[in-house]
PDB file of N, CA and C in Angstrom:
ATOM      1  N   MET A   1    -166.927 179.155-149.256  1.00  0.00           N
ATOM      2  CA  MET A   1    -165.606 179.250-148.655  1.00  0.00           C
ATOM      3  C   MET A   1    -165.705 179.706-147.198  1.00  0.00           C
ATOM      4  N   LYS A   2    -166.579 180.694-146.942  1.00  0.00           N
ATOM      5  CA  LYS A   2    -166.737 181.219-145.594  1.00  0.00           C
ATOM      6  C   LYS A   2    -167.171 180.110-144.638  1.00  0.00           C
ATOM      7  N   TYR A   3    -168.105 179.287-145.065  1.00  0.00           N
ATOM      8  CA  TYR A   3    -168.618 178.220-144.214  1.00  0.00           C
ATOM      9  C   TYR A   3    -167.549 177.155-143.969  1.00  0.00           C
ATOM     10  N   PHE A   4    -166.746 176.898-144.973  1.00  0.00           N
ATOM     11  CA  PHE A   4    -165.657 175.934-144.828  1.00  0.00           C
ATOM     12  C   PHE A   4    -164.677 176.414-143.759  1.00  0.00           C
ATOM     13  N   LEU A   5    -164.346 177.709-143.799  1.00  0.00           N
ATOM     14  CA  LEU A   5    -163.437 178.264-142.796  1.00  0.00           C
ATOM     15  C   LEU A   5    -164.028 178.186-141.397  1.00  0.00           C
ATOM     16  N   ILE A   6    -165.333 178.443-141.274  1.00  0.00           N
ATOM     17  CA  ILE A   6    -165.985 178.348-139.976  1.00  0.00           C
ATOM     18  C   ILE A   6    -165.872 176.929-139.434  1.00  0.00           C
ATOM     19  N   LEU A   7    -166.117 175.955-140.300  1.00  0.00           N
ATOM     20  CA  LEU A   7    -166.030 174.565-139.871  1.00  0.00           C
ATOM     21  C   LEU A   7    -164.611 174.189-139.446  1.00  0.00           C
ATOM     22  N   ILE A   8    -163.614 174.668-140.187  1.00  0.00           N
ATOM     23  CA  ILE A   8    -162.218 174.394-139.840  1.00  0.00           C
ATOM     24  C   ILE A   8    -161.885 174.983-138.469  1.00  0.00           C
ATOM     25  N   PHE A   9    -162.242 176.266-138.274  1.00  0.00           N
ATOM     26  CA  PHE A   9    -161.972 176.902-136.988  1.00  0.00           C
ATOM     27  C   PHE A   9    -162.716 176.197-135.860  1.00  0.00           C
ATOM     28  N   ALA A  10    -163.951 175.819-136.114  1.00  0.00           N
ATOM     29  CA  ALA A  10    -164.738 175.132-135.091  1.00  0.00           C
ATOM     30  C   ALA A  10    -164.074 173.820-134.684  1.00  0.00           C
ATOM     31  N   ALA A  11    -163.622 173.070-135.666  1.00  0.00           N
ATOM     32  CA  ALA A  11    -162.968 171.793-135.377  1.00  0.00           C
ATOM     33  C   ALA A  11    -161.685 172.007-134.575  1.00  0.00           C
ATOM     34  N   LEU A  12    -160.911 173.012-134.938  1.00  0.00           N
ATOM     35  CA  LEU A  12    -159.663 173.282-134.220  1.00  0.00           C
ATOM     36  C   LEU A  12    -159.920 173.687-132.775  1.00  0.00           C
ATOM     37  N   ILE A  13    -160.903 174.511-132.569  1.00  0.00           N
ATOM     38  CA  ILE A  13    -161.196 174.952-131.210  1.00  0.00           C
ATOM     39  C   ILE A  13    -161.740 173.802-130.380  1.00  0.00           C
ATOM     40  N   ILE A  14    -162.618 173.010-130.957  1.00  0.00           N
ATOM     41  CA  ILE A  14    -163.153 171.867-130.213  1.00  0.00           C
ATOM     42  C   ILE A  14    -162.044 170.905-129.846  1.00  0.00           C
ATOM     43  N   LEU A  15    -161.134 170.653-130.781  1.00  0.00           N
ATOM     44  CA  LEU A  15    -160.037 169.733-130.502  1.00  0.00           C
ATOM     45  C   LEU A  15    -159.076 170.290-129.460  1.00  0.00           C
ATOM     46  N   GLY A  16    -158.974 171.606-129.383  1.00  0.00           N
ATOM     47  CA  GLY A  16    -158.036 172.220-128.454  1.00  0.00           C
ATOM     48  C   GLY A  16    -158.599 172.503-127.079  1.00  0.00           C
ATOM     49  N   CYS A  17    -159.865 172.262-126.862  1.00  0.00           N
ATOM     50  CA  CYS A  17    -160.483 172.555-125.569  1.00  0.00           C
ATOM     51  C   CYS A  17    -160.067 171.529-124.520  1.00  0.00           C
ATOM     52  N   ASP A  18    -160.039 171.994-123.269  1.00  0.00           N
ATOM     53  CA  ASP A  18    -159.742 171.086-122.161  1.00  0.00           C
ATOM     54  C   ASP A  18    -160.812 170.003-122.050  1.00  0.00           C
ATOM     55  N   LYS A  19    -162.050 170.400-122.126  1.00  0.00           N
ATOM     56  CA  LYS A  19    -163.151 169.443-122.045  1.00  0.00           C
ATOM     57  C   LYS A  19    -163.847 169.428-123.400  1.00  0.00           C
ATOM     58  N   PRO A  20    -163.660 168.375-124.166  1.00  0.00           N
ATOM     59  CA  PRO A  20    -164.269 168.362-125.491  1.00  0.00           C
ATOM     60  C   PRO A  20    -165.790 168.360-125.400  1.00  0.00           C
ATOM     61  N   PHE A  21    -166.404 169.024-126.354  1.00  0.00           N
ATOM     62  CA  PHE A  21    -167.855 169.102-126.394  1.00  0.00           C
ATOM     63  C   PHE A  21    -168.388 167.911-127.180  1.00  0.00           C
ATOM     64  N   ASP A  22    -168.192 166.720-126.618  1.00  0.00           N
ATOM     65  CA  ASP A  22    -168.588 165.518-127.329  1.00  0.00           C
ATOM     66  C   ASP A  22    -170.033 165.132-127.048  1.00  0.00           C
ATOM     67  N   ASP A  23    -170.646 165.780-126.107  1.00  0.00           N
ATOM     68  CA  ASP A  23    -172.026 165.512-125.780  1.00  0.00           C
ATOM     69  C   ASP A  23    -172.929 165.999-126.922  1.00  0.00           C
ATOM     70  N   LYS A  24    -173.918 165.205-127.256  1.00  0.00           N
ATOM     71  CA  LYS A  24    -174.844 165.537-128.350  1.00  0.00           C
ATOM     72  C   LYS A  24    -175.489 166.908-128.139  1.00  0.00           C
ATOM     73  N   PHE A  25    -175.852 167.215-126.921  1.00  0.00           N
ATOM     74  CA  PHE A  25    -176.477 168.500-126.631  1.00  0.00           C
ATOM     75  C   PHE A  25    -175.552 169.662-126.988  1.00  0.00           C
ATOM     76  N   TYR A  26    -174.289 169.583-126.547  1.00  0.00           N
ATOM     77  CA  TYR A  26    -173.361 170.687-126.778  1.00  0.00           C
ATOM     78  C   TYR A  26    -173.009 170.835-128.253  1.00  0.00           C
ATOM     79  N   LYS A  27    -172.904 169.726-128.962  1.00  0.00           N
ATOM     80  CA  LYS A  27    -172.675 169.806-130.405  1.00  0.00           C
ATOM     81  C   LYS A  27    -173.852 170.498-131.083  1.00  0.00           C
ATOM     82  N   THR A  28    -175.051 170.131-130.669  1.00  0.00           N
ATOM     83  CA  THR A  28    -176.252 170.738-131.243  1.00  0.00           C
ATOM     84  C   THR A  28    -176.311 172.221-130.910  1.00  0.00           C
ATOM     85  N   TYR A  29    -176.026 172.562-129.669  1.00  0.00           N
ATOM     86  CA  TYR A  29    -176.052 173.964-129.247  1.00  0.00           C
ATOM     87  C   TYR A  29    -175.035 174.784-130.051  1.00  0.00           C
ATOM     88  N   ARG A  30    -173.888 174.209-130.287  1.00  0.00           N
ATOM     89  CA  ARG A  30    -172.847 174.893-131.065  1.00  0.00           C
ATOM     90  C   ARG A  30    -173.322 175.142-132.496  1.00  0.00           C
ATOM     91  N   GLU A  31    -173.956 174.154-133.098  1.00  0.00           N
ATOM     92  CA  GLU A  31    -174.489 174.322-134.448  1.00  0.00           C
ATOM     93  C   GLU A  31    -175.555 175.419-134.477  1.00  0.00           C
ATOM     94  N   ILE A  32    -176.363 175.478-133.435  1.00  0.00           N
ATOM     95  CA  ILE A  32    -177.384 176.526-133.356  1.00  0.00           C
ATOM     96  C   ILE A  32    -176.731 177.895-133.271  1.00  0.00           C
ATOM     97  N   LEU A  33    -175.679 178.007-132.478  1.00  0.00           N
ATOM     98  CA  LEU A  33    -174.955 179.280-132.386  1.00  0.00           C
ATOM     99  C   LEU A  33    -174.397 179.695-133.739  1.00  0.00           C
ATOM    100  N   LEU A  34    -173.858 178.740-134.482  1.00  0.00           N
ATOM    101  CA  LEU A  34    -173.339 179.053-135.815  1.00  0.00           C
ATOM    102  C   LEU A  34    -174.449 179.554-136.735  1.00  0.00           C
ATOM    103  N   VAL A  35    -175.591 178.896-136.695  1.00  0.00           N
ATOM    104  CA  VAL A  35    -176.727 179.327-137.524  1.00  0.00           C
ATOM    105  C   VAL A  35    -177.131 180.739-137.150  1.00  0.00           C
ATOM    106  N   ARG A  36    -177.242 180.993-135.869  1.00  0.00           N
ATOM    107  CA  ARG A  36    -177.651 182.326-135.404  1.00  0.00           C
ATOM    108  C   ARG A  36    -176.632 183.403-135.786  1.00  0.00           C
ATOM    109  N   THR A  37    -175.377 183.038-135.863  1.00  0.00           N
ATOM    110  CA  THR A  37    -174.341 183.985-136.249  1.00  0.00           C
ATOM    111  C   THR A  37    -174.370 184.264-137.739  1.00  0.00           C
ATOM    112  N   GLU A  38    -174.607 183.243-138.528  1.00  0.00           N
ATOM    113  CA  GLU A  38    -174.528 183.360-139.980  1.00  0.00           C
ATOM    114  C   GLU A  38    -175.786 183.931-140.626  1.00  0.00           C
ATOM    115  N   ILE A  39    -176.939 183.688-140.038  1.00  0.00           N
ATOM    116  CA  ILE A  39    -178.204 184.110-140.652  1.00  0.00           C
ATOM    117  C   ILE A  39    -178.803 185.234-139.826  1.00  0.00           C
ATOM    118  N   THR A  40    -178.888 186.412-140.417  1.00  0.00           N
ATOM    119  CA  THR A  40    -179.386 187.572-139.678  1.00  0.00           C
ATOM    120  C   THR A  40    -180.909 187.649-139.655  1.00  0.00           C
ATOM    121  N   ASP A  41    -181.568 187.112-140.657  1.00  0.00           N
ATOM    122  CA  ASP A  41    -183.026 187.112-140.693  1.00  0.00           C
ATOM    123  C   ASP A  41    -183.548 186.083-139.684  1.00  0.00           C
ATOM    124  N   SER A  42    -184.292 186.547-138.687  1.00  0.00           N
ATOM    125  CA  SER A  42    -184.694 185.652-137.601  1.00  0.00           C
ATOM    126  C   SER A  42    -185.634 184.536-138.062  1.00  0.00           C
ATOM    127  N   LEU A  43    -186.496 184.807-139.024  1.00  0.00           N
ATOM    128  CA  LEU A  43    -187.386 183.750-139.526  1.00  0.00           C
ATOM    129  C   LEU A  43    -186.595 182.643-140.214  1.00  0.00           C
ATOM    130  N   GLU A  44    -185.641 183.036-141.036  1.00  0.00           N
ATOM    131  CA  GLU A  44    -184.792 182.046-141.709  1.00  0.00           C
ATOM    132  C   GLU A  44    -183.926 181.293-140.701  1.00  0.00           C
ATOM    133  N   ALA A  45    -183.392 182.024-139.743  1.00  0.00           N
ATOM    134  CA  ALA A  45    -182.555 181.393-138.717  1.00  0.00           C
ATOM    135  C   ALA A  45    -183.367 180.379-137.918  1.00  0.00           C
ATOM    136  N   ASN A  46    -184.591 180.736-137.577  1.00  0.00           N
ATOM    137  CA  ASN A  46    -185.445 179.800-136.826  1.00  0.00           C
ATOM    138  C   ASN A  46    -185.703 178.528-137.620  1.00  0.00           C
ATOM    139  N   LYS A  47    -185.914 178.655-138.920  1.00  0.00           N
ATOM    140  CA  LYS A  47    -186.113 177.475-139.769  1.00  0.00           C
ATOM    141  C   LYS A  47    -184.867 176.592-139.756  1.00  0.00           C
ATOM    142  N   GLU A  48    -183.708 177.217-139.850  1.00  0.00           N
ATOM    143  CA  GLU A  48    -182.460 176.451-139.852  1.00  0.00           C
ATOM    144  C   GLU A  48    -182.201 175.805-138.497  1.00  0.00           C
ATOM    145  N   VAL A  49    -182.537 176.509-137.426  1.00  0.00           N
ATOM    146  CA  VAL A  49    -182.371 175.935-136.086  1.00  0.00           C
ATOM    147  C   VAL A  49    -183.226 174.678-135.951  1.00  0.00           C
ATOM    148  N   LEU A  50    -184.454 174.733-136.438  1.00  0.00           N
ATOM    149  CA  LEU A  50    -185.318 173.546-136.388  1.00  0.00           C
ATOM    150  C   LEU A  50    -184.718 172.391-137.176  1.00  0.00           C
ATOM    151  N   LYS A  51    -184.062 172.709-138.298  1.00  0.00           N
ATOM    152  CA  LYS A  51    -183.388 171.666-139.080  1.00  0.00           C
ATOM    153  C   LYS A  51    -182.223 171.062-138.291  1.00  0.00           C
ATOM    154  N   VAL A  52    -181.470 171.918-137.604  1.00  0.00           N
ATOM    155  CA  VAL A  52    -180.344 171.449-136.788  1.00  0.00           C
ATOM    156  C   VAL A  52    -180.861 170.533-135.679  1.00  0.00           C
ATOM    157  N   LEU A  53    -181.934 170.956-135.031  1.00  0.00           N
ATOM    158  CA  LEU A  53    -182.504 170.136-133.966  1.00  0.00           C
ATOM    159  C   LEU A  53    -182.936 168.777-134.500  1.00  0.00           C
ATOM    160  N   LYS A  54    -183.632 168.788-135.619  1.00  0.00           N
ATOM    161  CA  LYS A  54    -184.116 167.536-136.208  1.00  0.00           C
ATOM    162  C   LYS A  54    -182.948 166.635-136.606  1.00  0.00           C
ATOM    163  N   LYS A  55    -181.940 167.232-137.240  1.00  0.00           N
ATOM    164  CA  LYS A  55    -180.763 166.473-137.666  1.00  0.00           C
ATOM    165  C   LYS A  55    -180.085 165.770-136.487  1.00  0.00           C
ATOM    166  N   ASN A  56    -180.123 166.417-135.337  1.00  0.00           N
ATOM    167  CA  ASN A  56    -179.470 165.875-134.148  1.00  0.00           C
ATOM    168  C   ASN A  56    -180.419 165.082-133.247  1.00  0.00           C
ATOM    169  N   GLY A  57    -181.612 164.825-133.738  1.00  0.00           N
ATOM    170  CA  GLY A  57    -182.539 163.967-133.008  1.00  0.00           C
ATOM    171  C   GLY A  57    -183.322 164.635-131.897  1.00  0.00           C
ATOM    172  N   TYR A  58    -183.522 165.945-131.981  1.00  0.00           N
ATOM    173  CA  TYR A  58    -184.269 166.681-130.969  1.00  0.00           C
ATOM    174  C   TYR A  58    -185.528 167.291-131.570  1.00  0.00           C
ATOM    175  N   THR A  59    -186.553 167.411-130.739  1.00  0.00           N
ATOM    176  CA  THR A  59    -187.634 168.339-131.035  1.00  0.00           C
ATOM    177  C   THR A  59    -187.277 169.616-130.288  1.00  0.00           C
ATOM    178  N   GLU A  60    -187.955 170.692-130.599  1.00  0.00           N
ATOM    179  CA  GLU A  60    -187.673 171.948-129.907  1.00  0.00           C
ATOM    180  C   GLU A  60    -187.910 171.792-128.400  1.00  0.00           C
ATOM    181  N   GLU A  61    -188.976 171.120-128.037  1.00  0.00           N
ATOM    182  CA  GLU A  61    -189.309 170.913-126.628  1.00  0.00           C
ATOM    183  C   GLU A  61    -188.270 170.032-125.931  1.00  0.00           C
ATOM    184  N   GLU A  62    -187.826 168.969-126.587  1.00  0.00           N
ATOM    185  CA  GLU A  62    -186.811 168.086-125.991  1.00  0.00           C
ATOM    186  C   GLU A  62    -185.505 168.839-125.746  1.00  0.00           C
ATOM    187  N   PHE A  63    -185.114 169.668-126.716  1.00  0.00           N
ATOM    188  CA  PHE A  63    -183.880 170.429-126.572  1.00  0.00           C
ATOM    189  C   PHE A  63    -183.997 171.415-125.414  1.00  0.00           C
ATOM    190  N   ARG A  64    -185.113 172.109-125.365  1.00  0.00           N
ATOM    191  CA  ARG A  64    -185.332 173.073-124.287  1.00  0.00           C
ATOM    192  C   ARG A  64    -185.302 172.370-122.922  1.00  0.00           C
ATOM    193  N   LYS A  65    -185.947 171.216-122.848  1.00  0.00           N
ATOM    194  CA  LYS A  65    -185.971 170.452-121.595  1.00  0.00           C
ATOM    195  C   LYS A  65    -184.554 170.024-121.205  1.00  0.00           C
ATOM    196  N   THR A  66    -183.776 169.551-122.168  1.00  0.00           N
ATOM    197  CA  THR A  66    -182.392 169.146-121.912  1.00  0.00           C
ATOM    198  C   THR A  66    -181.562 170.335-121.452  1.00  0.00           C
ATOM    199  N   PHE A  67    -181.762 171.486-122.093  1.00  0.00           N
ATOM    200  CA  PHE A  67    -181.039 172.703-121.726  1.00  0.00           C
ATOM    201  C   PHE A  67    -181.251 173.020-120.248  1.00  0.00           C
ATOM    202  N   PHE A  68    -182.507 173.067-119.827  1.00  0.00           N
ATOM    203  CA  PHE A  68    -182.798 173.427-118.442  1.00  0.00           C
ATOM    204  C   PHE A  68    -182.370 172.344-117.458  1.00  0.00           C
ATOM    205  N   GLU A  69    -182.445 171.098-117.874  1.00  0.00           N
ATOM    206  CA  GLU A  69    -181.979 170.007-117.016  1.00  0.00           C
ATOM    207  C   GLU A  69    -180.467 170.099-116.802  1.00  0.00           C
ATOM    208  N   LYS A  70    -179.733 170.324-117.870  1.00  0.00           N
ATOM    209  CA  LYS A  70    -178.284 170.461-117.744  1.00  0.00           C
ATOM    210  C   LYS A  70    -177.924 171.699-116.916  1.00  0.00           C
ATOM    211  N   ALA A  71    -178.648 172.780-117.126  1.00  0.00           N
ATOM    212  CA  ALA A  71    -178.393 174.002-116.361  1.00  0.00           C
ATOM    213  C   ALA A  71    -178.607 173.765-114.869  1.00  0.00           C
ATOM    214  N   ARG A  72    -179.541 172.920-114.546  1.00  0.00           N
ATOM    215  CA  ARG A  72    -179.868 172.646-113.150  1.00  0.00           C
ATOM    216  C   ARG A  72    -178.910 171.644-112.513  1.00  0.00           C
ATOM    217  N   THR A  73    -178.374 170.709-113.296  1.00  0.00           N
ATOM    218  CA  THR A  73    -177.623 169.597-112.716  1.00  0.00           C
ATOM    219  C   THR A  73    -176.116 169.611-112.985  1.00  0.00           C
ATOM    220  N   GLU A  74    -175.668 170.244-114.032  1.00  0.00           N
ATOM    221  CA  GLU A  74    -174.232 170.212-114.362  1.00  0.00           C
ATOM    222  C   GLU A  74    -173.515 171.431-113.795  1.00  0.00           C
ATOM    223  N   ARG A  75    -172.493 171.168-113.008  1.00  0.00           N
ATOM    224  CA  ARG A  75    -171.729 172.251-112.378  1.00  0.00           C
ATOM    225  C   ARG A  75    -171.017 173.128-113.410  1.00  0.00           C
ATOM    226  N   GLU A  76    -170.551 172.539-114.468  1.00  0.00           N
ATOM    227  CA  GLU A  76    -169.754 173.266-115.454  1.00  0.00           C
ATOM    228  C   GLU A  76    -170.594 173.834-116.601  1.00  0.00           C
ATOM    229  N   PHE A  77    -171.900 173.752-116.501  1.00  0.00           N
ATOM    230  CA  PHE A  77    -172.774 174.127-117.610  1.00  0.00           C
ATOM    231  C   PHE A  77    -172.520 175.554-118.105  1.00  0.00           C
ATOM    232  N   ILE A  78    -172.528 176.514-117.212  1.00  0.00           N
ATOM    233  CA  ILE A  78    -172.353 177.920-117.612  1.00  0.00           C
ATOM    234  C   ILE A  78    -170.995 178.131-118.262  1.00  0.00           C
ATOM    235  N   LYS A  79    -169.960 177.513-117.717  1.00  0.00           N
ATOM    236  CA  LYS A  79    -168.619 177.630-118.302  1.00  0.00           C
ATOM    237  C   LYS A  79    -168.597 177.077-119.725  1.00  0.00           C
ATOM    238  N   ILE A  80    -169.218 175.938-119.918  1.00  0.00           N
ATOM    239  CA  ILE A  80    -169.227 175.306-121.241  1.00  0.00           C
ATOM    240  C   ILE A  80    -170.010 176.154-122.229  1.00  0.00           C
ATOM    241  N   ILE A  81    -171.179 176.619-121.825  1.00  0.00           N
ATOM    242  CA  ILE A  81    -172.005 177.454-122.699  1.00  0.00           C
ATOM    243  C   ILE A  81    -171.255 178.741-123.051  1.00  0.00           C
ATOM    244  N   ASP A  82    -170.655 179.385-122.064  1.00  0.00           N
ATOM    245  CA  ASP A  82    -169.879 180.606-122.329  1.00  0.00           C
ATOM    246  C   ASP A  82    -168.710 180.325-123.259  1.00  0.00           C
ATOM    247  N   SER A  83    -168.040 179.211-123.047  1.00  0.00           N
ATOM    248  CA  SER A  83    -166.917 178.836-123.896  1.00  0.00           C
ATOM    249  C   SER A  83    -167.362 178.641-125.342  1.00  0.00           C
ATOM    250  N   LEU A  84    -168.496 177.972-125.518  1.00  0.00           N
ATOM    251  CA  LEU A  84    -169.034 177.782-126.868  1.00  0.00           C
ATOM    252  C   LEU A  84    -169.348 179.123-127.518  1.00  0.00           C
ATOM    253  N   ARG A  85    -170.020 179.992-126.794  1.00  0.00           N
ATOM    254  CA  ARG A  85    -170.375 181.313-127.337  1.00  0.00           C
ATOM    255  C   ARG A  85    -169.135 182.121-127.679  1.00  0.00           C
ATOM    256  N   ASN A  86    -168.158 182.113-126.796  1.00  0.00           N
ATOM    257  CA  ASN A  86    -166.929 182.870-127.044  1.00  0.00           C
ATOM    258  C   ASN A  86    -166.157 182.318-128.235  1.00  0.00           C
ATOM    259  N   SER A  87    -166.130 180.997-128.379  1.00  0.00           N
ATOM    260  CA  SER A  87    -165.399 180.425-129.510  1.00  0.00           C
ATOM    261  C   SER A  87    -166.080 180.785-130.829  1.00  0.00           C
ATOM    262  N   ILE A  88    -167.409 180.805-130.847  1.00  0.00           N
ATOM    263  CA  ILE A  88    -168.139 181.195-132.056  1.00  0.00           C
ATOM    264  C   ILE A  88    -167.863 182.652-132.377  1.00  0.00           C
ATOM    265  N   LYS A  89    -167.913 183.525-131.368  1.00  0.00           N
ATOM    266  CA  LYS A  89    -167.638 184.949-131.586  1.00  0.00           C
ATOM    267  C   LYS A  89    -166.227 185.140-132.128  1.00  0.00           C
ATOM    268  N   SER A  90    -165.279 184.446-131.535  1.00  0.00           N
ATOM    269  CA  SER A  90    -163.887 184.564-131.946  1.00  0.00           C
ATOM    270  C   SER A  90    -163.686 184.093-133.387  1.00  0.00           C
ATOM    271  N   GLU A  91    -164.274 182.940-133.696  1.00  0.00           N
ATOM    272  CA  GLU A  91    -164.157 182.406-135.054  1.00  0.00           C
ATOM    273  C   GLU A  91    -164.782 183.352-136.069  1.00  0.00           C
ATOM    274  N   TYR A  92    -165.949 183.846-135.746  1.00  0.00           N
ATOM    275  CA  TYR A  92    -166.658 184.727-136.663  1.00  0.00           C
ATOM    276  C   TYR A  92    -165.868 186.021-136.878  1.00  0.00           C
ATOM    277  N   LYS A  93    -165.293 186.564-135.799  1.00  0.00           N
ATOM    278  CA  LYS A  93    -164.478 187.774-135.918  1.00  0.00           C
ATOM    279  C   LYS A  93    -163.255 187.526-136.792  1.00  0.00           C
ATOM    280  N   GLN A  94    -162.607 186.370-136.622  1.00  0.00           N
ATOM    281  CA  GLN A  94    -161.445 186.042-137.442  1.00  0.00           C
ATOM    282  C   GLN A  94    -161.821 185.956-138.919  1.00  0.00           C
ATOM    283  N   ILE A  95    -162.952 185.375-139.196  1.00  0.00           N
ATOM    284  CA  ILE A  95    -163.403 185.254-140.582  1.00  0.00           C
ATOM    285  C   ILE A  95    -163.706 186.623-141.159  1.00  0.00           C
ATOM    286  N   LEU A  96    -164.394 187.468-140.394  1.00  0.00           N
ATOM    287  CA  LEU A  96    -164.685 188.817-140.884  1.00  0.00           C
ATOM    288  C   LEU A  96    -163.402 189.591-141.126  1.00  0.00           C
ATOM    289  N   ASP A  97    -162.450 189.473-140.186  1.00  0.00           N
ATOM    290  CA  ASP A  97    -161.173 190.172-140.342  1.00  0.00           C
ATOM    291  C   ASP A  97    -160.424 189.694-141.585  1.00  0.00           C
ATOM    292  N   SER A  98    -160.417 188.377-141.814  1.00  0.00           N
ATOM    293  CA  SER A  98    -159.702 187.859-142.982  1.00  0.00           C
ATOM    294  C   SER A  98    -160.402 188.258-144.273  1.00  0.00           C
ATOM    295  N   ASN A  99    -161.721 188.330-144.261  1.00  0.00           N
ATOM    296  CA  ASN A  99    -162.445 188.773-145.453  1.00  0.00           C
ATOM    297  C   ASN A  99    -162.195 190.239-145.737  1.00  0.00           C
ATOM    298  N   ASN A 100    -162.077 191.068-144.696  1.00  0.00           N
ATOM    299  CA  ASN A 100    -161.806 192.492-144.879  1.00  0.00           C
ATOM    300  C   ASN A 100    -160.393 192.720-145.398  1.00  0.00           C
ATOM    301  N   GLN A 101    -159.450 191.878-145.021  1.00  0.00           N
ATOM    302  CA  GLN A 101    -158.074 192.022-145.475  1.00  0.00           C
ATOM    303  C   GLN A 101    -157.936 191.680-146.948  1.00  0.00           C
ATOM    304  N   LYS A 102    -158.806 190.799-147.451  1.00  0.00           N
ATOM    305  CA  LYS A 102    -158.751 190.387-148.851  1.00  0.00           C
ATOM    306  C   LYS A 102    -159.218 191.485-149.799  1.00  0.00           C
ATOM    307  N   LYS A 103    -160.024 192.405-149.272  1.00  0.00           N
ATOM    308  CA  LYS A 103    -160.596 193.467-150.120  1.00  0.00           C
ATOM    309  C   LYS A 103    -159.616 194.524-150.471  1.00  0.00           C
TER     310      LYS A 103
END
């Protein structure tokens, strides 16, 4: 149920953004942020991140290279990355708050 709510919130925020994160890189980065938020054990999280990368057609090196290339060439890169991070934090906080209210 928790994961379903995260996906719903993620979809709503993506749809409501001024600049949709339709780029494969940003979708992948967002999925990585979700994994890092949900899995506290770093070894397990790293395994899941590798699965996310593979699912989206990246190797770890290709993703890293794309990250630095976008950081170097895209004017809005930092804004987009910050927006993704903030939306994940916000969604996760809402889920935690709603779970605490149910108790």
